[in-house]
């Protein structure tokens, strides 16, 4: 079984984890995506740039499965493809690198991130911070911190752990609502490929899969994009799926946080959480954020 992956160190580490779960017949195939070719990461903020070439390889039959960071997968998939499962979720939260807590950062500290969601929540908590846009892979960002260009970084805790860089984590920022799908790997296959789907079902963690589907249902209902600072973290439990959400403006000047009551299914959880945000004015807030990001 051929498993397609991007060629970055993080993507290869993630795909290697999946390959080990699938067994000795799994073979990794590296595919260069548009996002990889745009090393700056700045020219195109569409999620499609991280998955398009992998999906084309799937449709062409060059690979049997594609491994993605779930937060990079657009809410609408190409015809003929489907998401088929996820292994257990890693830590979904963001990590602060360079300090042991947000409160330890000096007034006006320079904090690096490329995420509008992270910037919005950081500034909502600490309006005095200077949020600096940083692109590039994890090593590039860490180098800028260690060279003194930044006072701190905010990165996904899961990515640091998967790269063997857990020692860089100063603290886990549980006060920030993660990106939908953060910490989760998801596998994509051709519709009707029963062998690939069966192989993935055998390694799928049901709570992780339910949480991911709930978070993606929220994104679809809100029609959110990379330009909308949206956080979502679903937690399946005995009473149903609880979905915690955040929506805000990039500068943190206006925002909403919510925790929806438990829902029975992923679709119901995502829809309920989205409707609660919309009822509180979240639609207008996200539309304004989209407008600001594109201006």
Protein backbone atom coordinates (compact mmCIF):
# COMPACT_ATOMS: atom_id res chain seq x y z
CA UNK A 1 0.00 0.00 0.00
CA UNK A 2 1.51 3.32 -1.11
CA UNK A 3 1.10 6.19 1.35
CA UNK A 4 1.58 9.70 0.01
CA UNK A 5 3.13 12.39 2.19
CA UNK A 6 4.77 15.76 1.92
CA UNK A 7 8.54 15.73 2.22
CA UNK A 8 9.04 18.05 5.20
CA UNK A 9 10.63 16.61 8.33
CA UNK A 10 7.36 16.92 10.22
CA UNK A 11 5.26 15.38 7.44
CA UNK A 12 7.66 12.44 7.12
CA UNK A 13 7.61 11.87 10.88
CA UNK A 14 3.83 11.88 10.84
CA UNK A 15 3.57 9.57 7.84
CA UNK A 16 6.13 7.24 9.38
CA UNK A 17 3.90 6.88 12.43
CA UNK A 18 0.97 5.93 10.19
CA UNK A 19 3.08 3.52 8.14
CA UNK A 20 4.22 1.75 11.31
CA UNK A 21 0.59 1.31 12.37
CA UNK A 22 -0.45 -0.03 8.96
CA UNK A 23 2.30 -2.65 8.91
CA UNK A 24 5.28 -3.81 6.82
CA UNK A 25 3.50 -3.57 3.45
CA UNK A 26 3.12 0.22 3.79
CA UNK A 27 5.43 2.22 1.52
CA UNK A 28 5.95 5.99 1.81
CA UNK A 29 5.83 8.07 -1.38
CA UNK A 30 6.99 11.69 -1.13
CA UNK A 31 4.93 14.25 -3.06
CA UNK A 32 5.95 17.92 -3.38
CA UNK A 33 3.00 20.27 -2.83
CA UNK A 34 2.47 23.88 -3.83
CA UNK A 35 3.01 24.86 -0.19
CA UNK A 36 6.41 23.14 -0.21
CA UNK A 37 7.48 25.01 -3.34
CA UNK A 38 6.45 28.33 -1.80
CA UNK A 39 9.10 28.26 0.89
CA UNK A 40 8.06 31.62 2.36
CA UNK A 41 4.53 30.38 2.95
CA UNK A 42 3.31 33.90 2.36
CA UNK A 43 2.05 34.05 -1.22
CA UNK A 44 -1.02 31.87 -0.83
CA UNK A 45 -2.90 31.20 2.38
CA UNK A 46 -5.35 28.63 0.96
CA UNK A 47 -5.23 25.24 2.66
CA UNK A 48 -5.36 23.57 -0.74
CA UNK A 49 -1.66 24.35 -1.29
CA UNK A 50 -0.73 21.68 1.27
CA UNK A 51 -2.90 18.88 -0.13
CA UNK A 52 -3.67 19.45 -3.83
CA UNK A 53 -0.80 17.46 -5.33
CA UNK A 54 -1.37 14.60 -2.89
CA UNK A 55 -5.01 14.48 -3.95
CA UNK A 56 -4.04 14.50 -7.60
CA UNK A 57 -1.72 11.57 -6.94
CA UNK A 58 -4.59 9.73 -5.26
CA UNK A 59 -6.95 10.36 -8.17
CA UNK A 60 -4.26 9.21 -10.64
CA UNK A 61 -3.73 5.98 -8.70
CA UNK A 62 -0.09 6.78 -7.93
CA UNK A 63 -0.77 6.37 -4.19
CA UNK A 64 -3.44 4.51 -2.21
CA UNK A 65 -3.65 6.79 0.81
CA UNK A 66 -2.62 10.36 1.62
CA UNK A 67 -1.58 11.40 5.12
CA UNK A 68 -2.45 14.96 6.10
CA UNK A 69 -2.31 17.17 9.15
CA UNK A 70 -6.06 17.42 9.59
CA UNK A 71 -5.96 21.18 10.14
CA UNK A 72 -4.57 21.59 6.59
CA UNK A 73 -7.44 19.79 4.83
CA UNK A 74 -10.12 22.02 3.25
CA UNK A 75 -13.70 21.44 4.35
CA UNK A 76 -14.76 20.43 0.81
CA UNK A 77 -12.90 17.54 -0.87
CA UNK A 78 -12.50 16.85 -4.60
CA UNK A 79 -15.06 14.53 -6.16
CA UNK A 80 -13.99 10.91 -5.84
CA UNK A 81 -12.05 11.33 -2.59
CA UNK A 82 -13.00 10.90 1.06
CA UNK A 83 -11.46 11.00 4.51
CA UNK A 84 -11.47 7.51 5.97
CA UNK A 85 -10.02 7.69 9.49
CA UNK A 86 -7.48 8.93 12.00
CA UNK A 87 -5.04 7.35 14.47
CA UNK A 88 -5.12 8.62 18.07
CA UNK A 89 -4.86 12.38 18.44
CA UNK A 90 -1.69 13.92 19.81
CA UNK A 91 -1.77 16.99 22.08
CA UNK A 92 -4.16 19.38 20.28
CA UNK A 93 -3.01 22.55 22.05
CA UNK A 94 -0.55 25.30 21.18
CA UNK A 95 2.81 25.56 22.93
CA UNK A 96 4.71 28.64 24.04
CA UNK A 97 8.43 28.45 23.27
CA UNK A 98 10.82 30.87 24.94
CA UNK A 99 8.94 31.42 28.20
CA UNK A 100 7.24 29.36 30.87
CA UNK A 101 3.94 31.28 30.66
CA UNK A 102 2.35 34.18 28.82
CA UNK A 103 2.47 36.16 32.07
CA UNK A 104 6.28 35.85 32.09
CA UNK A 105 6.63 37.79 28.82
CA UNK A 106 7.66 41.41 29.25
CA UNK A 107 5.32 44.19 28.02
CA UNK A 108 5.75 44.60 24.27
CA UNK A 109 7.40 41.19 23.87
CA UNK A 110 7.74 39.98 20.26
CA UNK A 111 5.83 36.72 19.78
CA UNK A 112 6.13 34.89 16.47
CA UNK A 113 3.32 33.04 14.72
CA UNK A 114 1.90 32.71 11.21
CA UNK A 115 -1.59 31.91 12.50
CA UNK A 116 -4.36 34.52 12.61
CA UNK A 117 -6.16 32.34 15.16
CA UNK A 118 -3.17 32.35 17.50
CA UNK A 119 -2.57 36.08 16.98
CA UNK A 120 -6.19 36.90 17.75
CA UNK A 121 -6.23 34.91 20.98
CA UNK A 122 -2.81 36.13 22.10
CA UNK A 123 -3.84 39.75 21.65
CA UNK A 124 -7.20 39.14 23.31
CA UNK A 125 -5.25 37.98 26.37
CA UNK A 126 -2.30 40.40 26.13
CA UNK A 127 -2.97 43.44 23.97
CA UNK A 128 0.52 44.78 24.73
CA UNK A 129 2.27 41.96 22.84
CA UNK A 130 3.84 42.51 19.42
CA UNK A 131 2.74 39.62 17.22
CA UNK A 132 5.34 39.03 14.49
CA UNK A 133 4.41 37.03 11.39
CA UNK A 134 6.89 34.18 10.92
CA UNK A 135 6.81 31.58 8.13
CA UNK A 136 8.95 28.55 7.37
CA UNK A 137 9.40 25.14 8.95
CA UNK A 138 9.77 24.56 12.67
CA UNK A 139 13.58 24.66 12.62
CA UNK A 140 13.55 27.98 10.74
CA UNK A 141 11.20 29.52 13.29
CA UNK A 142 13.18 28.20 16.24
CA UNK A 143 16.37 29.59 14.72
CA UNK A 144 14.83 33.07 14.59
CA UNK A 145 13.91 32.78 18.26
CA UNK A 146 17.36 31.55 19.30
CA UNK A 147 19.01 34.29 17.20
CA UNK A 148 17.16 36.91 19.26
CA UNK A 149 14.77 38.15 16.57
CA UNK A 150 11.83 37.09 18.75
CA UNK A 151 11.11 36.81 22.46
CA UNK A 152 8.82 33.80 22.08
CA UNK A 153 7.09 31.56 19.56
CA UNK A 154 3.73 29.84 19.52
CA UNK A 155 3.76 26.47 17.73
CA UNK A 156 1.65 23.33 17.79
CA UNK A 157 2.71 21.15 20.72
CA UNK A 158 2.11 18.01 18.65
CA UNK A 159 4.52 19.10 15.92
CA UNK A 160 7.31 19.78 18.40
CA UNK A 161 6.82 16.40 20.05
CA UNK A 162 6.72 14.54 16.71
CA UNK A 163 9.97 16.22 15.67
CA UNK A 164 11.69 15.26 18.93
CA UNK A 165 11.79 18.90 20.06
CA UNK A 166 9.56 18.62 23.13
CA UNK A 167 12.31 20.18 25.24
CA UNK A 168 11.61 23.49 23.48
CA UNK A 169 8.12 23.72 25.03
CA UNK A 170 7.98 26.31 27.80
CA UNK A 171 4.31 25.64 28.52
CA UNK A 172 1.18 24.36 26.82
CA UNK A 173 -1.31 27.17 26.18
CA UNK A 174 -4.56 25.51 27.20
CA UNK A 175 -6.19 28.95 27.37
CA UNK A 176 -5.98 29.13 23.54
CA UNK A 177 -8.62 27.17 21.61
CA UNK A 178 -6.75 25.04 19.03
CA UNK A 179 -7.31 25.04 15.29
CA UNK A 180 -9.91 22.57 14.06
CA UNK A 181 -8.10 19.26 13.60
CA UNK A 182 -4.89 20.35 15.35
CA UNK A 183 -2.86 17.42 16.64
CA UNK A 184 -4.79 15.00 14.41
CA UNK A 185 -3.58 13.06 11.38
CA UNK A 186 -6.19 12.12 8.82
CA UNK A 187 -6.05 9.66 5.93
CA UNK A 188 -7.65 10.31 2.55
CA UNK A 189 -8.51 7.63 -0.01
CA UNK A 190 -10.40 7.15 -3.24
CA UNK A 191 -14.12 6.60 -2.84
CA UNK A 192 -14.77 2.88 -3.35
CA UNK A 193 -11.26 1.71 -2.43
CA UNK A 194 -12.45 -0.81 0.11
CA UNK A 195 -8.99 -2.23 0.84
CA UNK A 196 -7.55 1.17 1.77
CA UNK A 197 -10.61 2.09 3.84
CA UNK A 198 -10.50 -1.23 5.73
CA UNK A 199 -6.80 -0.82 6.49
CA UNK A 200 -7.42 2.64 7.93
CA UNK A 201 -10.46 1.55 9.96
CA UNK A 202 -8.23 -0.96 11.74
CA UNK A 203 -5.95 1.82 13.06
CA UNK A 204 -8.61 4.50 13.60
CA UNK A 205 -9.24 5.84 17.10
CA UNK A 206 -13.00 6.42 17.31
CA UNK A 207 -12.95 9.37 19.79
CA UNK A 208 -10.34 11.12 17.64
CA UNK A 209 -12.34 10.49 14.47
CA UNK A 210 -15.57 11.73 16.08
CA UNK A 211 -13.84 14.87 17.38
CA UNK A 212 -12.35 15.63 13.98
CA UNK A 213 -15.67 15.21 12.20
CA UNK A 214 -17.37 17.52 14.72
CA UNK A 215 -14.72 20.21 14.24
CA UNK A 216 -14.93 19.92 10.46
CA UNK A 217 -18.74 20.14 10.61
CA UNK A 218 -18.37 23.46 12.44
CA UNK A 219 -15.95 24.77 9.79
CA UNK A 220 -18.31 23.76 6.97
CA UNK A 221 -21.32 25.41 8.60
CA UNK A 222 -19.42 28.66 9.16
CA UNK A 223 -17.75 28.50 5.73
CA UNK A 224 -14.49 29.35 7.49
CA UNK A 225 -11.11 29.71 5.75
CA UNK A 226 -7.47 30.35 6.61
CA UNK A 227 -8.39 34.03 6.82
CA UNK A 228 -10.88 33.51 9.64
CA UNK A 229 -9.43 33.26 13.18
CA UNK A 230 -11.46 30.23 14.28
CA UNK A 231 -10.68 27.75 17.03
CA UNK A 232 -12.49 24.49 17.73
CA UNK A 233 -11.78 21.67 20.15
CA UNK A 234 -14.18 18.74 20.43
CA UNK A 235 -14.10 16.30 23.33
CA UNK A 236 -16.20 13.13 23.10
CA UNK A 237 -17.53 11.92 26.43
CA UNK A 238 -20.21 9.71 27.98
CA UNK A 239 -22.88 12.39 27.54
CA UNK A 240 -21.95 13.25 23.96
CA UNK A 241 -19.49 15.48 22.11
CA UNK A 242 -18.66 18.83 23.71
CA UNK A 243 -17.29 21.48 21.33
CA UNK A 244 -15.38 24.52 22.60
CA UNK A 245 -15.00 27.38 20.11
CA UNK A 246 -13.33 30.75 19.52
CA UNK A 247 -13.89 33.34 16.80
CA UNK A 248 -12.28 36.77 16.66
CA UNK A 249 -10.68 39.57 14.72
CA UNK A 250 -6.97 39.25 13.89
CA UNK A 251 -6.02 42.08 16.28
CA UNK A 252 -7.90 40.53 19.21
CA UNK A 253 -10.10 43.61 19.62
CA UNK A 254 -13.34 41.65 19.30
CA UNK A 255 -13.93 37.96 19.93
CA UNK A 256 -16.34 35.24 21.05
CA UNK A 257 -15.70 32.11 23.11
CA UNK A 258 -18.25 29.40 23.73
CA UNK A 259 -18.70 25.84 24.92
CA UNK A 260 -21.71 24.12 23.41
CA UNK A 261 -23.64 21.51 25.41
CA UNK A 262 -23.08 17.84 24.54
CA UNK A 263 -24.45 16.55 21.23
CA UNK A 264 -25.04 12.97 20.18
CA UNK A 265 -23.21 12.90 16.83
CA UNK A 266 -20.28 14.76 15.23
CA UNK A 267 -22.52 16.55 12.73
CA UNK A 268 -24.93 17.61 15.46
CA UNK A 269 -22.07 18.86 17.65
CA UNK A 270 -20.53 20.92 14.85
CA UNK A 271 -23.86 22.35 13.73
CA UNK A 272 -24.96 23.23 17.28
CA UNK A 273 -21.67 24.99 18.05
CA UNK A 274 -21.83 26.90 14.76
CA UNK A 275 -25.42 28.02 15.32
CA UNK A 276 -24.53 29.30 18.78
CA UNK A 277 -21.65 31.36 17.36
CA UNK A 278 -23.85 32.71 14.58
CA UNK A 279 -26.58 33.67 17.05
CA UNK A 280 -24.01 35.64 19.05
CA UNK A 281 -22.80 37.57 15.99
CA UNK A 282 -20.00 35.24 14.99
CA UNK A 283 -20.93 35.36 11.30
CA UNK A 284 -20.41 39.11 11.11
CA UNK A 285 -17.21 38.81 13.14
CA UNK A 286 -15.70 36.18 10.84
CA UNK A 287 -16.79 38.09 7.72
CA UNK A 288 -15.02 41.17 9.06
CA UNK A 289 -11.91 39.12 9.83
CA UNK A 290 -11.92 37.73 6.27
CA UNK A 291 -12.22 41.25 4.88
CA UNK A 292 -9.34 42.53 7.01
CA UNK A 293 -7.09 39.60 6.14
CA UNK A 294 -7.60 40.12 2.41
CA UNK A 295 -7.20 43.92 2.46
